[in-house]
Amino acid sequence: MIFDELKNIETYYPMNKNFKQAAEFFKKAADLAPGRYELEDGCYVNLMEGTTRDAEGAQFEAHRAYLDVHYVVSGTEYTVWADIDSLKADTEYSADSDCQMFSGDGRIVRIDAGMFYVDYPSDGHAPNCHIDGVAKPFKKCVAKIPVE
């Protein structure tokens, strides 16, 4: 998993040819409506608005076909992270939804507006959380980039 600020994303371009097009989308996301946006090379972005959920007991998800690149446009969220080898599989992997659900314990990381994080197939993550019992609004993008 990678955590950083959008201003530094160019550092990661050599890791995946599609990080650049995701970054370009993120830079204009504040002015766009929620929805799904198609990019090139099989990539797309889900732009969403919502409220955070309690991190306590949040279920982890992991993906095999796509990397998730989360970018918080506004608000603050916490994500809970753990390597999937340390978690208990709660569901079988579904190729249709590219998702498998897990439970267990993880590390809580605060993500403020202007930050992004990348989830690889080994990264169990429970995004969109709060830790103080108070749901808060957020706007964020999740770029889905095919695993190379």
Protein backbone atom coordinates (compact mmCIF):
# COMPACT_ATOMS: atom_id res chain seq x y z
CA MET A 1 0.00 0.00 0.00
CA ILE A 2 1.16 3.50 -0.82
CA PHE A 3 0.04 6.66 1.02
CA ASP A 4 1.01 10.13 -0.18
CA GLU A 5 -0.21 13.55 -1.26
CA LEU A 6 -1.41 14.17 -4.81
CA LYS A 7 1.34 16.75 -5.35
CA ASN A 8 3.83 13.84 -5.18
CA ILE A 9 2.05 11.36 -7.44
CA GLU A 10 4.48 11.86 -10.33
CA THR A 11 7.03 9.99 -8.22
CA TYR A 12 4.93 6.85 -8.74
CA TYR A 13 4.36 7.13 -12.52
CA PRO A 14 7.16 4.63 -13.29
CA MET A 15 5.36 1.99 -11.19
CA ASN A 16 2.29 1.90 -13.44
CA LYS A 17 1.67 3.57 -16.78
CA ASN A 18 -1.90 4.44 -15.78
CA PHE A 19 -1.16 6.41 -12.61
CA LYS A 20 -0.74 9.54 -14.73
CA GLN A 21 -4.23 9.44 -16.25
CA ALA A 22 -5.73 8.77 -12.81
CA ALA A 23 -3.83 11.79 -11.40
CA GLU A 24 -5.06 14.02 -14.23
CA PHE A 25 -8.63 13.00 -13.44
CA PHE A 26 -8.14 13.60 -9.70
CA LYS A 27 -6.99 17.17 -10.37
CA LYS A 28 -10.37 18.07 -11.92
CA ALA A 29 -12.61 15.90 -9.71
CA ALA A 30 -13.71 18.71 -7.37
CA ASP A 31 -15.79 20.20 -10.21
CA LEU A 32 -17.38 16.93 -11.36
CA ALA A 33 -20.58 15.18 -10.34
CA PRO A 34 -20.52 11.75 -8.70
CA GLY A 35 -20.59 8.83 -11.10
CA ARG A 36 -18.47 6.43 -13.11
CA TYR A 37 -15.99 7.90 -15.57
CA GLU A 38 -14.28 5.77 -18.21
CA LEU A 39 -10.57 6.34 -18.84
CA GLU A 40 -8.19 4.62 -21.27
CA ASP A 41 -6.59 1.15 -21.13
CA GLY A 42 -9.49 -0.45 -19.24
CA CYS A 43 -9.27 2.05 -16.37
CA TYR A 44 -12.19 3.89 -14.82
CA VAL A 45 -12.93 6.14 -11.87
CA ASN A 46 -15.82 6.00 -9.43
CA LEU A 47 -16.38 9.51 -8.07
CA MET A 48 -18.50 9.41 -4.94
CA GLU A 49 -19.86 11.48 -2.11
CA GLY A 50 -20.96 9.97 1.15
CA THR A 51 -20.51 9.81 4.89
CA THR A 52 -17.93 7.81 6.76
CA ARG A 53 -18.71 4.60 8.64
CA ASP A 54 -17.38 3.35 11.95
CA ALA A 55 -13.96 1.70 11.66
CA GLU A 56 -14.82 -0.65 14.53
CA GLY A 57 -15.70 -3.98 12.95
CA ALA A 58 -15.45 -2.66 9.39
CA GLN A 59 -15.02 -5.47 6.88
CA PHE A 60 -11.93 -5.54 4.67
CA GLU A 61 -12.09 -5.89 0.90
CA ALA A 62 -9.37 -6.90 -1.56
CA HIS A 63 -9.20 -7.01 -5.35
CA ARG A 64 -7.18 -9.14 -7.77
CA ALA A 65 -7.89 -7.72 -11.23
CA TYR A 66 -7.62 -4.01 -10.40
CA LEU A 67 -5.49 -1.74 -8.26
CA ASP A 68 -7.55 0.77 -6.29
CA VAL A 69 -6.18 4.31 -6.23
CA HIS A 70 -8.23 6.29 -3.69
CA TYR A 71 -8.06 10.08 -3.71
CA VAL A 72 -9.88 12.18 -1.10
CA VAL A 73 -11.21 15.34 -2.77
CA SER A 74 -12.79 16.79 0.38
CA GLY A 75 -13.27 15.71 3.96
CA THR A 76 -11.23 13.22 5.92
CA GLU A 77 -11.50 9.46 6.06
CA TYR A 78 -9.67 6.73 7.86
CA THR A 79 -8.80 3.51 6.10
CA VAL A 80 -8.02 0.31 7.92
CA TRP A 81 -5.26 -1.75 6.27
CA ALA A 82 -3.88 -5.26 6.68
CA ASP A 83 -2.08 -7.74 4.48
CA ILE A 84 -4.69 -10.29 3.41
CA ASP A 85 -2.47 -13.12 4.70
CA SER A 86 -3.16 -11.86 8.23
CA LEU A 87 -6.96 -11.74 7.74
CA LYS A 88 -9.75 -14.33 7.75
CA ALA A 89 -11.50 -14.77 4.40
CA ASP A 90 -15.25 -14.25 4.88
CA THR A 91 -16.22 -14.81 1.24
CA GLU A 92 -14.78 -16.55 -1.79
CA TYR A 93 -13.24 -14.32 -4.43
CA SER A 94 -15.78 -13.17 -7.03
CA ALA A 95 -14.31 -12.50 -10.46
CA ASP A 96 -17.57 -10.75 -11.45
CA SER A 97 -17.16 -8.07 -8.78
CA ASP A 98 -13.37 -8.43 -8.43
CA CYS A 99 -13.81 -8.57 -4.68
CA GLN A 100 -13.21 -10.77 -1.69
CA MET A 101 -14.24 -9.81 1.83
CA PHE A 102 -12.18 -10.40 4.98
CA SER A 103 -12.28 -9.78 8.73
CA GLY A 104 -9.57 -9.22 11.29
CA ASP A 105 -7.45 -6.46 12.74
CA GLY A 106 -5.49 -3.82 10.89
CA ARG A 107 -3.73 -0.49 11.10
CA ILE A 108 -5.78 2.70 10.97
CA VAL A 109 -4.46 5.44 8.70
CA ARG A 110 -5.88 8.97 8.44
CA ILE A 111 -6.36 10.27 4.89
CA ASP A 112 -7.01 14.01 4.52
CA ALA A 113 -8.23 15.91 1.47
CA GLY A 114 -5.45 16.06 -1.11
CA MET A 115 -4.05 12.63 -0.21
CA PHE A 116 -4.20 9.39 -2.17
CA TYR A 117 -3.49 5.76 -1.44
CA VAL A 118 -2.96 2.72 -3.61
CA ASP A 119 -4.29 -0.74 -2.72
CA TYR A 120 -2.57 -3.71 -4.36
CA PRO A 121 -4.03 -7.25 -4.50
CA SER A 122 -2.36 -8.17 -1.18
CA ASP A 123 -3.85 -5.14 0.58
CA GLY A 124 -6.99 -5.72 2.60
CA HIS A 125 -8.62 -2.34 3.13
CA ALA A 126 -11.69 -0.94 4.85
CA PRO A 127 -12.07 2.57 3.41
CA ASN A 128 -14.38 5.49 4.22
CA CYS A 129 -14.19 5.12 8.00
CA HIS A 130 -14.24 7.37 11.07
CA ILE A 131 -12.82 6.56 14.51
CA ASP A 132 -14.65 8.98 16.80
CA GLY A 133 -18.22 7.72 16.45
CA VAL A 134 -19.25 10.66 14.27
CA ALA A 135 -20.04 10.15 10.58
CA LYS A 136 -18.53 12.88 8.41
CA PRO A 137 -19.10 13.84 4.77
CA PHE A 138 -16.49 13.15 2.11
CA LYS A 139 -15.99 13.33 -1.63
CA LYS A 140 -13.50 10.94 -3.17
CA CYS A 141 -12.38 9.13 -6.28
CA VAL A 142 -11.45 5.50 -6.62
CA ALA A 143 -9.53 4.83 -9.82
CA LYS A 144 -9.62 1.20 -10.92
CA ILE A 145 -6.45 0.29 -12.81
CA PRO A 146 -5.99 -3.20 -14.29
CA VAL A 147 -3.20 -5.18 -12.63
CA GLU A 148 -0.27 -5.46 -15.02
